[in-house]
Amino acid sequence: FDNKSEVQIIVDLPEGVTLEESAAL
């Protein structure tokens, strides 16, 4: 573990989800 000043969250939604639904989430 490293005490960084940033973190990245990766979200993989189910296939077929629209861009608008992803943006809302």
PDBML (XML) file of the C-alpha atoms, coordinates in Angstrom:
<?xml version="1.0" encoding="UTF-8" ?>
<PDBx:datablock datablockName="MODEL"
   xmlns:PDBx="http://pdbml.pdb.org/schema/pdbx-v50.xsd"
   xmlns:xsi="http://www.w3.org/2001/XMLSchema-instance"
   xsi:schemaLocation="http://pdbml.pdb.org/schema/pdbx-v50.xsd pdbx-v50.xsd">
   <PDBx:atom_siteCategory>
      <PDBx:atom_site id="1">
         <PDBx:B_iso_or_equiv>0.00</PDBx:B_iso_or_equiv>
         <PDBx:Cartn_x>0.000</PDBx:Cartn_x>
         <PDBx:Cartn_y>0.000</PDBx:Cartn_y>
         <PDBx:Cartn_z>0.000</PDBx:Cartn_z>
         <PDBx:auth_asym_id>A</PDBx:auth_asym_id>
         <PDBx:auth_atom_id>CA</PDBx:auth_atom_id>
         <PDBx:auth_comp_id>PHE</PDBx:auth_comp_id>
         <PDBx:auth_seq_id>1</PDBx:auth_seq_id>
         <PDBx:group_PDB>ATOM</PDBx:group_PDB>
         <PDBx:label_alt_id xsi:nil="true" />
         <PDBx:label_asym_id>A</PDBx:label_asym_id>
         <PDBx:label_atom_id>CA</PDBx:label_atom_id>
         <PDBx:label_comp_id>PHE</PDBx:label_comp_id>
         <PDBx:label_entity_id>1</PDBx:label_entity_id>
         <PDBx:label_seq_id>1</PDBx:label_seq_id>
         <PDBx:occupancy>1.00</PDBx:occupancy>
         <PDBx:pdbx_PDB_model_num>1</PDBx:pdbx_PDB_model_num>
         <PDBx:type_symbol>C</PDBx:type_symbol>
      </PDBx:atom_site>
      <PDBx:atom_site id="2">
         <PDBx:B_iso_or_equiv>0.00</PDBx:B_iso_or_equiv>
         <PDBx:Cartn_x>1.243</PDBx:Cartn_x>
         <PDBx:Cartn_y>3.452</PDBx:Cartn_y>
         <PDBx:Cartn_z>-0.850</PDBx:Cartn_z>
         <PDBx:auth_asym_id>A</PDBx:auth_asym_id>
         <PDBx:auth_atom_id>CA</PDBx:auth_atom_id>
         <PDBx:auth_comp_id>ASP</PDBx:auth_comp_id>
         <PDBx:auth_seq_id>2</PDBx:auth_seq_id>
         <PDBx:group_PDB>ATOM</PDBx:group_PDB>
         <PDBx:label_alt_id xsi:nil="true" />
         <PDBx:label_asym_id>A</PDBx:label_asym_id>
         <PDBx:label_atom_id>CA</PDBx:label_atom_id>
         <PDBx:label_comp_id>ASP</PDBx:label_comp_id>
         <PDBx:label_entity_id>1</PDBx:label_entity_id>
         <PDBx:label_seq_id>2</PDBx:label_seq_id>
         <PDBx:occupancy>1.00</PDBx:occupancy>
         <PDBx:pdbx_PDB_model_num>1</PDBx:pdbx_PDB_model_num>
         <PDBx:type_symbol>C</PDBx:type_symbol>
      </PDBx:atom_site>
      <PDBx:atom_site id="3">
         <PDBx:B_iso_or_equiv>0.00</PDBx:B_iso_or_equiv>
         <PDBx:Cartn_x>-0.132</PDBx:Cartn_x>
         <PDBx:Cartn_y>6.659</PDBx:Cartn_y>
         <PDBx:Cartn_z>0.617</PDBx:Cartn_z>
         <PDBx:auth_asym_id>A</PDBx:auth_asym_id>
         <PDBx:auth_atom_id>CA</PDBx:auth_atom_id>
         <PDBx:auth_comp_id>ASN</PDBx:auth_comp_id>
         <PDBx:auth_seq_id>3</PDBx:auth_seq_id>
         <PDBx:group_PDB>ATOM</PDBx:group_PDB>
         <PDBx:label_alt_id xsi:nil="true" />
         <PDBx:label_asym_id>A</PDBx:label_asym_id>
         <PDBx:label_atom_id>CA</PDBx:label_atom_id>
         <PDBx:label_comp_id>ASN</PDBx:label_comp_id>
         <PDBx:label_entity_id>1</PDBx:label_entity_id>
         <PDBx:label_seq_id>3</PDBx:label_seq_id>
         <PDBx:occupancy>1.00</PDBx:occupancy>
         <PDBx:pdbx_PDB_model_num>1</PDBx:pdbx_PDB_model_num>
         <PDBx:type_symbol>C</PDBx:type_symbol>
      </PDBx:atom_site>
      <PDBx:atom_site id="4">
         <PDBx:B_iso_or_equiv>0.00</PDBx:B_iso_or_equiv>
         <PDBx:Cartn_x>-0.892</PDBx:Cartn_x>
         <PDBx:Cartn_y>8.396</PDBx:Cartn_y>
         <PDBx:Cartn_z>-2.672</PDBx:Cartn_z>
         <PDBx:auth_asym_id>A</PDBx:auth_asym_id>
         <PDBx:auth_atom_id>CA</PDBx:auth_atom_id>
         <PDBx:auth_comp_id>LYS</PDBx:auth_comp_id>
         <PDBx:auth_seq_id>4</PDBx:auth_seq_id>
         <PDBx:group_PDB>ATOM</PDBx:group_PDB>
         <PDBx:label_alt_id xsi:nil="true" />
         <PDBx:label_asym_id>A</PDBx:label_asym_id>
         <PDBx:label_atom_id>CA</PDBx:label_atom_id>
         <PDBx:label_comp_id>LYS</PDBx:label_comp_id>
         <PDBx:label_entity_id>1</PDBx:label_entity_id>
         <PDBx:label_seq_id>4</PDBx:label_seq_id>
         <PDBx:occupancy>1.00</PDBx:occupancy>
         <PDBx:pdbx_PDB_model_num>1</PDBx:pdbx_PDB_model_num>
         <PDBx:type_symbol>C</PDBx:type_symbol>
      </PDBx:atom_site>
      <PDBx:atom_site id="5">
         <PDBx:B_iso_or_equiv>0.00</PDBx:B_iso_or_equiv>
         <PDBx:Cartn_x>-2.739</PDBx:Cartn_x>
         <PDBx:Cartn_y>11.653</PDBx:Cartn_y>
         <PDBx:Cartn_z>-3.165</PDBx:Cartn_z>
         <PDBx:auth_asym_id>A</PDBx:auth_asym_id>
         <PDBx:auth_atom_id>CA</PDBx:auth_atom_id>
         <PDBx:auth_comp_id>SER</PDBx:auth_comp_id>
         <PDBx:auth_seq_id>5</PDBx:auth_seq_id>
         <PDBx:group_PDB>ATOM</PDBx:group_PDB>
         <PDBx:label_alt_id xsi:nil="true" />
         <PDBx:label_asym_id>A</PDBx:label_asym_id>
         <PDBx:label_atom_id>CA</PDBx:label_atom_id>
         <PDBx:label_comp_id>SER</PDBx:label_comp_id>
         <PDBx:label_entity_id>1</PDBx:label_entity_id>
         <PDBx:label_seq_id>5</PDBx:label_seq_id>
         <PDBx:occupancy>1.00</PDBx:occupancy>
         <PDBx:pdbx_PDB_model_num>1</PDBx:pdbx_PDB_model_num>
         <PDBx:type_symbol>C</PDBx:type_symbol>
      </PDBx:atom_site>
      <PDBx:atom_site id="6">
         <PDBx:B_iso_or_equiv>0.00</PDBx:B_iso_or_equiv>
         <PDBx:Cartn_x>-5.127</PDBx:Cartn_x>
         <PDBx:Cartn_y>10.123</PDBx:Cartn_y>
         <PDBx:Cartn_z>-5.666</PDBx:Cartn_z>
         <PDBx:auth_asym_id>A</PDBx:auth_asym_id>
         <PDBx:auth_atom_id>CA</PDBx:auth_atom_id>
         <PDBx:auth_comp_id>GLU</PDBx:auth_comp_id>
         <PDBx:auth_seq_id>6</PDBx:auth_seq_id>
         <PDBx:group_PDB>ATOM</PDBx:group_PDB>
         <PDBx:label_alt_id xsi:nil="true" />
         <PDBx:label_asym_id>A</PDBx:label_asym_id>
         <PDBx:label_atom_id>CA</PDBx:label_atom_id>
         <PDBx:label_comp_id>GLU</PDBx:label_comp_id>
         <PDBx:label_entity_id>1</PDBx:label_entity_id>
         <PDBx:label_seq_id>6</PDBx:label_seq_id>
         <PDBx:occupancy>1.00</PDBx:occupancy>
         <PDBx:pdbx_PDB_model_num>1</PDBx:pdbx_PDB_model_num>
         <PDBx:type_symbol>C</PDBx:type_symbol>
      </PDBx:atom_site>
      <PDBx:atom_site id="7">
         <PDBx:B_iso_or_equiv>0.00</PDBx:B_iso_or_equiv>
         <PDBx:Cartn_x>-7.295</PDBx:Cartn_x>
         <PDBx:Cartn_y>7.091</PDBx:Cartn_y>
         <PDBx:Cartn_z>-6.282</PDBx:Cartn_z>
         <PDBx:auth_asym_id>A</PDBx:auth_asym_id>
         <PDBx:auth_atom_id>CA</PDBx:auth_atom_id>
         <PDBx:auth_comp_id>VAL</PDBx:auth_comp_id>
         <PDBx:auth_seq_id>7</PDBx:auth_seq_id>
         <PDBx:group_PDB>ATOM</PDBx:group_PDB>
         <PDBx:label_alt_id xsi:nil="true" />
         <PDBx:label_asym_id>A</PDBx:label_asym_id>
         <PDBx:label_atom_id>CA</PDBx:label_atom_id>
         <PDBx:label_comp_id>VAL</PDBx:label_comp_id>
         <PDBx:label_entity_id>1</PDBx:label_entity_id>
         <PDBx:label_seq_id>7</PDBx:label_seq_id>
         <PDBx:occupancy>1.00</PDBx:occupancy>
         <PDBx:pdbx_PDB_model_num>1</PDBx:pdbx_PDB_model_num>
         <PDBx:type_symbol>C</PDBx:type_symbol>
      </PDBx:atom_site>
      <PDBx:atom_site id="8">
         <PDBx:B_iso_or_equiv>0.00</PDBx:B_iso_or_equiv>
         <PDBx:Cartn_x>-9.097</PDBx:Cartn_x>
         <PDBx:Cartn_y>5.872</PDBx:Cartn_y>
         <PDBx:Cartn_z>-9.371</PDBx:Cartn_z>
         <PDBx:auth_asym_id>A</PDBx:auth_asym_id>
         <PDBx:auth_atom_id>CA</PDBx:auth_atom_id>
         <PDBx:auth_comp_id>GLN</PDBx:auth_comp_id>
         <PDBx:auth_seq_id>8</PDBx:auth_seq_id>
         <PDBx:group_PDB>ATOM</PDBx:group_PDB>
         <PDBx:label_alt_id xsi:nil="true" />
         <PDBx:label_asym_id>A</PDBx:label_asym_id>
         <PDBx:label_atom_id>CA</PDBx:label_atom_id>
         <PDBx:label_comp_id>GLN</PDBx:label_comp_id>
         <PDBx:label_entity_id>1</PDBx:label_entity_id>
         <PDBx:label_seq_id>8</PDBx:label_seq_id>
         <PDBx:occupancy>1.00</PDBx:occupancy>
         <PDBx:pdbx_PDB_model_num>1</PDBx:pdbx_PDB_model_num>
         <PDBx:type_symbol>C</PDBx:type_symbol>
      </PDBx:atom_site>
      <PDBx:atom_site id="9">
         <PDBx:B_iso_or_equiv>0.00</PDBx:B_iso_or_equiv>
         <PDBx:Cartn_x>-12.507</PDBx:Cartn_x>
         <PDBx:Cartn_y>4.216</PDBx:Cartn_y>
         <PDBx:Cartn_z>-9.345</PDBx:Cartn_z>
         <PDBx:auth_asym_id>A</PDBx:auth_asym_id>
         <PDBx:auth_atom_id>CA</PDBx:auth_atom_id>
         <PDBx:auth_comp_id>ILE</PDBx:auth_comp_id>
         <PDBx:auth_seq_id>9</PDBx:auth_seq_id>
         <PDBx:group_PDB>ATOM</PDBx:group_PDB>
         <PDBx:label_alt_id xsi:nil="true" />
         <PDBx:label_asym_id>A</PDBx:label_asym_id>
         <PDBx:label_atom_id>CA</PDBx:label_atom_id>
         <PDBx:label_comp_id>ILE</PDBx:label_comp_id>
         <PDBx:label_entity_id>1</PDBx:label_entity_id>
         <PDBx:label_seq_id>9</PDBx:label_seq_id>
         <PDBx:occupancy>1.00</PDBx:occupancy>
         <PDBx:pdbx_PDB_model_num>1</PDBx:pdbx_PDB_model_num>
         <PDBx:type_symbol>C</PDBx:type_symbol>
      </PDBx:atom_site>
      <PDBx:atom_site id="10">
         <PDBx:B_iso_or_equiv>0.00</PDBx:B_iso_or_equiv>
         <PDBx:Cartn_x>-13.232</PDBx:Cartn_x>
         <PDBx:Cartn_y>1.924</PDBx:Cartn_y>
         <PDBx:Cartn_z>-12.288</PDBx:Cartn_z>
         <PDBx:auth_asym_id>A</PDBx:auth_asym_id>
         <PDBx:auth_atom_id>CA</PDBx:auth_atom_id>
         <PDBx:auth_comp_id>ILE</PDBx:auth_comp_id>
         <PDBx:auth_seq_id>10</PDBx:auth_seq_id>
         <PDBx:group_PDB>ATOM</PDBx:group_PDB>
         <PDBx:label_alt_id xsi:nil="true" />
         <PDBx:label_asym_id>A</PDBx:label_asym_id>
         <PDBx:label_atom_id>CA</PDBx:label_atom_id>
         <PDBx:label_comp_id>ILE</PDBx:label_comp_id>
         <PDBx:label_entity_id>1</PDBx:label_entity_id>
         <PDBx:label_seq_id>10</PDBx:label_seq_id>
         <PDBx:occupancy>1.00</PDBx:occupancy>
         <PDBx:pdbx_PDB_model_num>1</PDBx:pdbx_PDB_model_num>
         <PDBx:type_symbol>C</PDBx:type_symbol>
      </PDBx:atom_site>
      <PDBx:atom_site id="11">
         <PDBx:B_iso_or_equiv>0.00</PDBx:B_iso_or_equiv>
         <PDBx:Cartn_x>-16.903</PDBx:Cartn_x>
         <PDBx:Cartn_y>1.141</PDBx:Cartn_y>
         <PDBx:Cartn_z>-12.987</PDBx:Cartn_z>
         <PDBx:auth_asym_id>A</PDBx:auth_asym_id>
         <PDBx:auth_atom_id>CA</PDBx:auth_atom_id>
         <PDBx:auth_comp_id>VAL</PDBx:auth_comp_id>
         <PDBx:auth_seq_id>11</PDBx:auth_seq_id>
         <PDBx:group_PDB>ATOM</PDBx:group_PDB>
         <PDBx:label_alt_id xsi:nil="true" />
         <PDBx:label_asym_id>A</PDBx:label_asym_id>
         <PDBx:label_atom_id>CA</PDBx:label_atom_id>
         <PDBx:label_comp_id>VAL</PDBx:label_comp_id>
         <PDBx:label_entity_id>1</PDBx:label_entity_id>
         <PDBx:label_seq_id>11</PDBx:label_seq_id>
         <PDBx:occupancy>1.00</PDBx:occupancy>
         <PDBx:pdbx_PDB_model_num>1</PDBx:pdbx_PDB_model_num>
         <PDBx:type_symbol>C</PDBx:type_symbol>
      </PDBx:atom_site>
      <PDBx:atom_site id="12">
         <PDBx:B_iso_or_equiv>0.00</PDBx:B_iso_or_equiv>
         <PDBx:Cartn_x>-17.965</PDBx:Cartn_x>
         <PDBx:Cartn_y>-1.516</PDBx:Cartn_y>
         <PDBx:Cartn_z>-15.491</PDBx:Cartn_z>
         <PDBx:auth_asym_id>A</PDBx:auth_asym_id>
         <PDBx:auth_atom_id>CA</PDBx:auth_atom_id>
         <PDBx:auth_comp_id>ASP</PDBx:auth_comp_id>
         <PDBx:auth_seq_id>12</PDBx:auth_seq_id>
         <PDBx:group_PDB>ATOM</PDBx:group_PDB>
         <PDBx:label_alt_id xsi:nil="true" />
         <PDBx:label_asym_id>A</PDBx:label_asym_id>
         <PDBx:label_atom_id>CA</PDBx:label_atom_id>
         <PDBx:label_comp_id>ASP</PDBx:label_comp_id>
         <PDBx:label_entity_id>1</PDBx:label_entity_id>
         <PDBx:label_seq_id>12</PDBx:label_seq_id>
         <PDBx:occupancy>1.00</PDBx:occupancy>
         <PDBx:pdbx_PDB_model_num>1</PDBx:pdbx_PDB_model_num>
         <PDBx:type_symbol>C</PDBx:type_symbol>
      </PDBx:atom_site>
      <PDBx:atom_site id="13">
         <PDBx:B_iso_or_equiv>0.00</PDBx:B_iso_or_equiv>
         <PDBx:Cartn_x>-21.724</PDBx:Cartn_x>
         <PDBx:Cartn_y>-1.410</PDBx:Cartn_y>
         <PDBx:Cartn_z>-15.951</PDBx:Cartn_z>
         <PDBx:auth_asym_id>A</PDBx:auth_asym_id>
         <PDBx:auth_atom_id>CA</PDBx:auth_atom_id>
         <PDBx:auth_comp_id>LEU</PDBx:auth_comp_id>
         <PDBx:auth_seq_id>13</PDBx:auth_seq_id>
         <PDBx:group_PDB>ATOM</PDBx:group_PDB>
         <PDBx:label_alt_id xsi:nil="true" />
         <PDBx:label_asym_id>A</PDBx:label_asym_id>
         <PDBx:label_atom_id>CA</PDBx:label_atom_id>
         <PDBx:label_comp_id>LEU</PDBx:label_comp_id>
         <PDBx:label_entity_id>1</PDBx:label_entity_id>
         <PDBx:label_seq_id>13</PDBx:label_seq_id>
         <PDBx:occupancy>1.00</PDBx:occupancy>
         <PDBx:pdbx_PDB_model_num>1</PDBx:pdbx_PDB_model_num>
         <PDBx:type_symbol>C</PDBx:type_symbol>
      </PDBx:atom_site>
      <PDBx:atom_site id="14">
         <PDBx:B_iso_or_equiv>0.00</PDBx:B_iso_or_equiv>
         <PDBx:Cartn_x>-23.611</PDBx:Cartn_x>
         <PDBx:Cartn_y>-4.195</PDBx:Cartn_y>
         <PDBx:Cartn_z>-17.753</PDBx:Cartn_z>
         <PDBx:auth_asym_id>A</PDBx:auth_asym_id>
         <PDBx:auth_atom_id>CA</PDBx:auth_atom_id>
         <PDBx:auth_comp_id>PRO</PDBx:auth_comp_id>
         <PDBx:auth_seq_id>14</PDBx:auth_seq_id>
         <PDBx:group_PDB>ATOM</PDBx:group_PDB>
         <PDBx:label_alt_id xsi:nil="true" />
         <PDBx:label_asym_id>A</PDBx:label_asym_id>
         <PDBx:label_atom_id>CA</PDBx:label_atom_id>
         <PDBx:label_comp_id>PRO</PDBx:label_comp_id>
         <PDBx:label_entity_id>1</PDBx:label_entity_id>
         <PDBx:label_seq_id>14</PDBx:label_seq_id>
         <PDBx:occupancy>1.00</PDBx:occupancy>
         <PDBx:pdbx_PDB_model_num>1</PDBx:pdbx_PDB_model_num>
         <PDBx:type_symbol>C</PDBx:type_symbol>
      </PDBx:atom_site>
      <PDBx:atom_site id="15">
         <PDBx:B_iso_or_equiv>0.00</PDBx:B_iso_or_equiv>
         <PDBx:Cartn_x>-23.515</PDBx:Cartn_x>
         <PDBx:Cartn_y>-4.230</PDBx:Cartn_y>
         <PDBx:Cartn_z>-21.553</PDBx:Cartn_z>
         <PDBx:auth_asym_id>A</PDBx:auth_asym_id>
         <PDBx:auth_atom_id>CA</PDBx:auth_atom_id>
         <PDBx:auth_comp_id>GLU</PDBx:auth_comp_id>
         <PDBx:auth_seq_id>15</PDBx:auth_seq_id>
         <PDBx:group_PDB>ATOM</PDBx:group_PDB>
         <PDBx:label_alt_id xsi:nil="true" />
         <PDBx:label_asym_id>A</PDBx:label_asym_id>
         <PDBx:label_atom_id>CA</PDBx:label_atom_id>
         <PDBx:label_comp_id>GLU</PDBx:label_comp_id>
         <PDBx:label_entity_id>1</PDBx:label_entity_id>
         <PDBx:label_seq_id>15</PDBx:label_seq_id>
         <PDBx:occupancy>1.00</PDBx:occupancy>
         <PDBx:pdbx_PDB_model_num>1</PDBx:pdbx_PDB_model_num>
         <PDBx:type_symbol>C</PDBx:type_symbol>
      </PDBx:atom_site>
      <PDBx:atom_site id="16">
         <PDBx:B_iso_or_equiv>0.00</PDBx:B_iso_or_equiv>
         <PDBx:Cartn_x>-26.352</PDBx:Cartn_x>
         <PDBx:Cartn_y>-2.260</PDBx:Cartn_y>
         <PDBx:Cartn_z>-23.103</PDBx:Cartn_z>
         <PDBx:auth_asym_id>A</PDBx:auth_asym_id>
         <PDBx:auth_atom_id>CA</PDBx:auth_atom_id>
         <PDBx:auth_comp_id>GLY</PDBx:auth_comp_id>
         <PDBx:auth_seq_id>16</PDBx:auth_seq_id>
         <PDBx:group_PDB>ATOM</PDBx:group_PDB>
         <PDBx:label_alt_id xsi:nil="true" />
         <PDBx:label_asym_id>A</PDBx:label_asym_id>
         <PDBx:label_atom_id>CA</PDBx:label_atom_id>
         <PDBx:label_comp_id>GLY</PDBx:label_comp_id>
         <PDBx:label_entity_id>1</PDBx:label_entity_id>
         <PDBx:label_seq_id>16</PDBx:label_seq_id>
         <PDBx:occupancy>1.00</PDBx:occupancy>
         <PDBx:pdbx_PDB_model_num>1</PDBx:pdbx_PDB_model_num>
         <PDBx:type_symbol>C</PDBx:type_symbol>
      </PDBx:atom_site>
      <PDBx:atom_site id="17">
         <PDBx:B_iso_or_equiv>0.00</PDBx:B_iso_or_equiv>
         <PDBx:Cartn_x>-26.411</PDBx:Cartn_x>
         <PDBx:Cartn_y>0.517</PDBx:Cartn_y>
         <PDBx:Cartn_z>-20.503</PDBx:Cartn_z>
         <PDBx:auth_asym_id>A</PDBx:auth_asym_id>
         <PDBx:auth_atom_id>CA</PDBx:auth_atom_id>
         <PDBx:auth_comp_id>VAL</PDBx:auth_comp_id>
         <PDBx:auth_seq_id>17</PDBx:auth_seq_id>
         <PDBx:group_PDB>ATOM</PDBx:group_PDB>
         <PDBx:label_alt_id xsi:nil="true" />
         <PDBx:label_asym_id>A</PDBx:label_asym_id>
         <PDBx:label_atom_id>CA</PDBx:label_atom_id>
         <PDBx:label_comp_id>VAL</PDBx:label_comp_id>
         <PDBx:label_entity_id>1</PDBx:label_entity_id>
         <PDBx:label_seq_id>17</PDBx:label_seq_id>
         <PDBx:occupancy>1.00</PDBx:occupancy>
         <PDBx:pdbx_PDB_model_num>1</PDBx:pdbx_PDB_model_num>
         <PDBx:type_symbol>C</PDBx:type_symbol>
      </PDBx:atom_site>
      <PDBx:atom_site id="18">
         <PDBx:B_iso_or_equiv>0.00</PDBx:B_iso_or_equiv>
         <PDBx:Cartn_x>-26.772</PDBx:Cartn_x>
         <PDBx:Cartn_y>3.876</PDBx:Cartn_y>
         <PDBx:Cartn_z>-22.211</PDBx:Cartn_z>
         <PDBx:auth_asym_id>A</PDBx:auth_asym_id>
         <PDBx:auth_atom_id>CA</PDBx:auth_atom_id>
         <PDBx:auth_comp_id>THR</PDBx:auth_comp_id>
         <PDBx:auth_seq_id>18</PDBx:auth_seq_id>
         <PDBx:group_PDB>ATOM</PDBx:group_PDB>
         <PDBx:label_alt_id xsi:nil="true" />
         <PDBx:label_asym_id>A</PDBx:label_asym_id>
         <PDBx:label_atom_id>CA</PDBx:label_atom_id>
         <PDBx:label_comp_id>THR</PDBx:label_comp_id>
         <PDBx:label_entity_id>1</PDBx:label_entity_id>
         <PDBx:label_seq_id>18</PDBx:label_seq_id>
         <PDBx:occupancy>1.00</PDBx:occupancy>
         <PDBx:pdbx_PDB_model_num>1</PDBx:pdbx_PDB_model_num>
         <PDBx:type_symbol>C</PDBx:type_symbol>
      </PDBx:atom_site>
      <PDBx:atom_site id="19">
         <PDBx:B_iso_or_equiv>0.00</PDBx:B_iso_or_equiv>
         <PDBx:Cartn_x>-24.298</PDBx:Cartn_x>
         <PDBx:Cartn_y>6.708</PDBx:Cartn_y>
         <PDBx:Cartn_z>-21.871</PDBx:Cartn_z>
         <PDBx:auth_asym_id>A</PDBx:auth_asym_id>
         <PDBx:auth_atom_id>CA</PDBx:auth_atom_id>
         <PDBx:auth_comp_id>LEU</PDBx:auth_comp_id>
         <PDBx:auth_seq_id>19</PDBx:auth_seq_id>
         <PDBx:group_PDB>ATOM</PDBx:group_PDB>
         <PDBx:label_alt_id xsi:nil="true" />
         <PDBx:label_asym_id>A</PDBx:label_asym_id>
         <PDBx:label_atom_id>CA</PDBx:label_atom_id>
         <PDBx:label_comp_id>LEU</PDBx:label_comp_id>
         <PDBx:label_entity_id>1</PDBx:label_entity_id>
         <PDBx:label_seq_id>19</PDBx:label_seq_id>
         <PDBx:occupancy>1.00</PDBx:occupancy>
         <PDBx:pdbx_PDB_model_num>1</PDBx:pdbx_PDB_model_num>
         <PDBx:type_symbol>C</PDBx:type_symbol>
      </PDBx:atom_site>
      <PDBx:atom_site id="20">
         <PDBx:B_iso_or_equiv>0.00</PDBx:B_iso_or_equiv>
         <PDBx:Cartn_x>-26.961</PDBx:Cartn_x>
         <PDBx:Cartn_y>8.767</PDBx:Cartn_y>
         <PDBx:Cartn_z>-20.087</PDBx:Cartn_z>
         <PDBx:auth_asym_id>A</PDBx:auth_asym_id>
         <PDBx:auth_atom_id>CA</PDBx:auth_atom_id>
         <PDBx:auth_comp_id>GLU</PDBx:auth_comp_id>
         <PDBx:auth_seq_id>20</PDBx:auth_seq_id>
         <PDBx:group_PDB>ATOM</PDBx:group_PDB>
         <PDBx:label_alt_id xsi:nil="true" />
         <PDBx:label_asym_id>A</PDBx:label_asym_id>
         <PDBx:label_atom_id>CA</PDBx:label_atom_id>
         <PDBx:label_comp_id>GLU</PDBx:label_comp_id>
         <PDBx:label_entity_id>1</PDBx:label_entity_id>
         <PDBx:label_seq_id>20</PDBx:label_seq_id>
         <PDBx:occupancy>1.00</PDBx:occupancy>
         <PDBx:pdbx_PDB_model_num>1</PDBx:pdbx_PDB_model_num>
         <PDBx:type_symbol>C</PDBx:type_symbol>
      </PDBx:atom_site>
      <PDBx:atom_site id="21">
         <PDBx:B_iso_or_equiv>0.00</PDBx:B_iso_or_equiv>
         <PDBx:Cartn_x>-27.515</PDBx:Cartn_x>
         <PDBx:Cartn_y>6.029</PDBx:Cartn_y>
         <PDBx:Cartn_z>-17.476</PDBx:Cartn_z>
         <PDBx:auth_asym_id>A</PDBx:auth_asym_id>
         <PDBx:auth_atom_id>CA</PDBx:auth_atom_id>
         <PDBx:auth_comp_id>GLU</PDBx:auth_comp_id>
         <PDBx:auth_seq_id>21</PDBx:auth_seq_id>
         <PDBx:group_PDB>ATOM</PDBx:group_PDB>
         <PDBx:label_alt_id xsi:nil="true" />
         <PDBx:label_asym_id>A</PDBx:label_asym_id>
         <PDBx:label_atom_id>CA</PDBx:label_atom_id>
         <PDBx:label_comp_id>GLU</PDBx:label_comp_id>
         <PDBx:label_entity_id>1</PDBx:label_entity_id>
         <PDBx:label_seq_id>21</PDBx:label_seq_id>
         <PDBx:occupancy>1.00</PDBx:occupancy>
         <PDBx:pdbx_PDB_model_num>1</PDBx:pdbx_PDB_model_num>
         <PDBx:type_symbol>C</PDBx:type_symbol>
      </PDBx:atom_site>
      <PDBx:atom_site id="22">
         <PDBx:B_iso_or_equiv>0.00</PDBx:B_iso_or_equiv>
         <PDBx:Cartn_x>-23.762</PDBx:Cartn_x>
         <PDBx:Cartn_y>5.769</PDBx:Cartn_y>
         <PDBx:Cartn_z>-16.908</PDBx:Cartn_z>
         <PDBx:auth_asym_id>A</PDBx:auth_asym_id>
         <PDBx:auth_atom_id>CA</PDBx:auth_atom_id>
         <PDBx:auth_comp_id>SER</PDBx:auth_comp_id>
         <PDBx:auth_seq_id>22</PDBx:auth_seq_id>
         <PDBx:group_PDB>ATOM</PDBx:group_PDB>
         <PDBx:label_alt_id xsi:nil="true" />
         <PDBx:label_asym_id>A</PDBx:label_asym_id>
         <PDBx:label_atom_id>CA</PDBx:label_atom_id>
         <PDBx:label_comp_id>SER</PDBx:label_comp_id>
         <PDBx:label_entity_id>1</PDBx:label_entity_id>
         <PDBx:label_seq_id>22</PDBx:label_seq_id>
         <PDBx:occupancy>1.00</PDBx:occupancy>
         <PDBx:pdbx_PDB_model_num>1</PDBx:pdbx_PDB_model_num>
         <PDBx:type_symbol>C</PDBx:type_symbol>
      </PDBx:atom_site>
      <PDBx:atom_site id="23">
         <PDBx:B_iso_or_equiv>0.00</PDBx:B_iso_or_equiv>
         <PDBx:Cartn_x>-23.538</PDBx:Cartn_x>
         <PDBx:Cartn_y>9.556</PDBx:Cartn_y>
         <PDBx:Cartn_z>-16.528</PDBx:Cartn_z>
         <PDBx:auth_asym_id>A</PDBx:auth_asym_id>
         <PDBx:auth_atom_id>CA</PDBx:auth_atom_id>
         <PDBx:auth_comp_id>ALA</PDBx:auth_comp_id>
         <PDBx:auth_seq_id>23</PDBx:auth_seq_id>
         <PDBx:group_PDB>ATOM</PDBx:group_PDB>
         <PDBx:label_alt_id xsi:nil="true" />
         <PDBx:label_asym_id>A</PDBx:label_asym_id>
         <PDBx:label_atom_id>CA</PDBx:label_atom_id>
         <PDBx:label_comp_id>ALA</PDBx:label_comp_id>
         <PDBx:label_entity_id>1</PDBx:label_entity_id>
         <PDBx:label_seq_id>23</PDBx:label_seq_id>
         <PDBx:occupancy>1.00</PDBx:occupancy>
         <PDBx:pdbx_PDB_model_num>1</PDBx:pdbx_PDB_model_num>
         <PDBx:type_symbol>C</PDBx:type_symbol>
      </PDBx:atom_site>
      <PDBx:atom_site id="24">
         <PDBx:B_iso_or_equiv>0.00</PDBx:B_iso_or_equiv>
         <PDBx:Cartn_x>-26.428</PDBx:Cartn_x>
         <PDBx:Cartn_y>9.540</PDBx:Cartn_y>
         <PDBx:Cartn_z>-14.025</PDBx:Cartn_z>
         <PDBx:auth_asym_id>A</PDBx:auth_asym_id>
         <PDBx:auth_atom_id>CA</PDBx:auth_atom_id>
         <PDBx:auth_comp_id>ALA</PDBx:auth_comp_id>
         <PDBx:auth_seq_id>24</PDBx:auth_seq_id>
         <PDBx:group_PDB>ATOM</PDBx:group_PDB>
         <PDBx:label_alt_id xsi:nil="true" />
         <PDBx:label_asym_id>A</PDBx:label_asym_id>
         <PDBx:label_atom_id>CA</PDBx:label_atom_id>
         <PDBx:label_comp_id>ALA</PDBx:label_comp_id>
         <PDBx:label_entity_id>1</PDBx:label_entity_id>
         <PDBx:label_seq_id>24</PDBx:label_seq_id>
         <PDBx:occupancy>1.00</PDBx:occupancy>
         <PDBx:pdbx_PDB_model_num>1</PDBx:pdbx_PDB_model_num>
         <PDBx:type_symbol>C</PDBx:type_symbol>
      </PDBx:atom_site>
      <PDBx:atom_site id="25">
         <PDBx:B_iso_or_equiv>0.00</PDBx:B_iso_or_equiv>
         <PDBx:Cartn_x>-24.679</PDBx:Cartn_x>
         <PDBx:Cartn_y>6.881</PDBx:Cartn_y>
         <PDBx:Cartn_z>-11.928</PDBx:Cartn_z>
         <PDBx:auth_asym_id>A</PDBx:auth_asym_id>
         <PDBx:auth_atom_id>CA</PDBx:auth_atom_id>
         <PDBx:auth_comp_id>LEU</PDBx:auth_comp_id>
         <PDBx:auth_seq_id>25</PDBx:auth_seq_id>
         <PDBx:group_PDB>ATOM</PDBx:group_PDB>
         <PDBx:label_alt_id xsi:nil="true" />
         <PDBx:label_asym_id>A</PDBx:label_asym_id>
         <PDBx:label_atom_id>CA</PDBx:label_atom_id>
         <PDBx:label_comp_id>LEU</PDBx:label_comp_id>
         <PDBx:label_entity_id>1</PDBx:label_entity_id>
         <PDBx:label_seq_id>25</PDBx:label_seq_id>
         <PDBx:occupancy>1.00</PDBx:occupancy>
         <PDBx:pdbx_PDB_model_num>1</PDBx:pdbx_PDB_model_num>
         <PDBx:type_symbol>C</PDBx:type_symbol>
      </PDBx:atom_site>
   </PDBx:atom_siteCategory>
</PDBx:datablock>
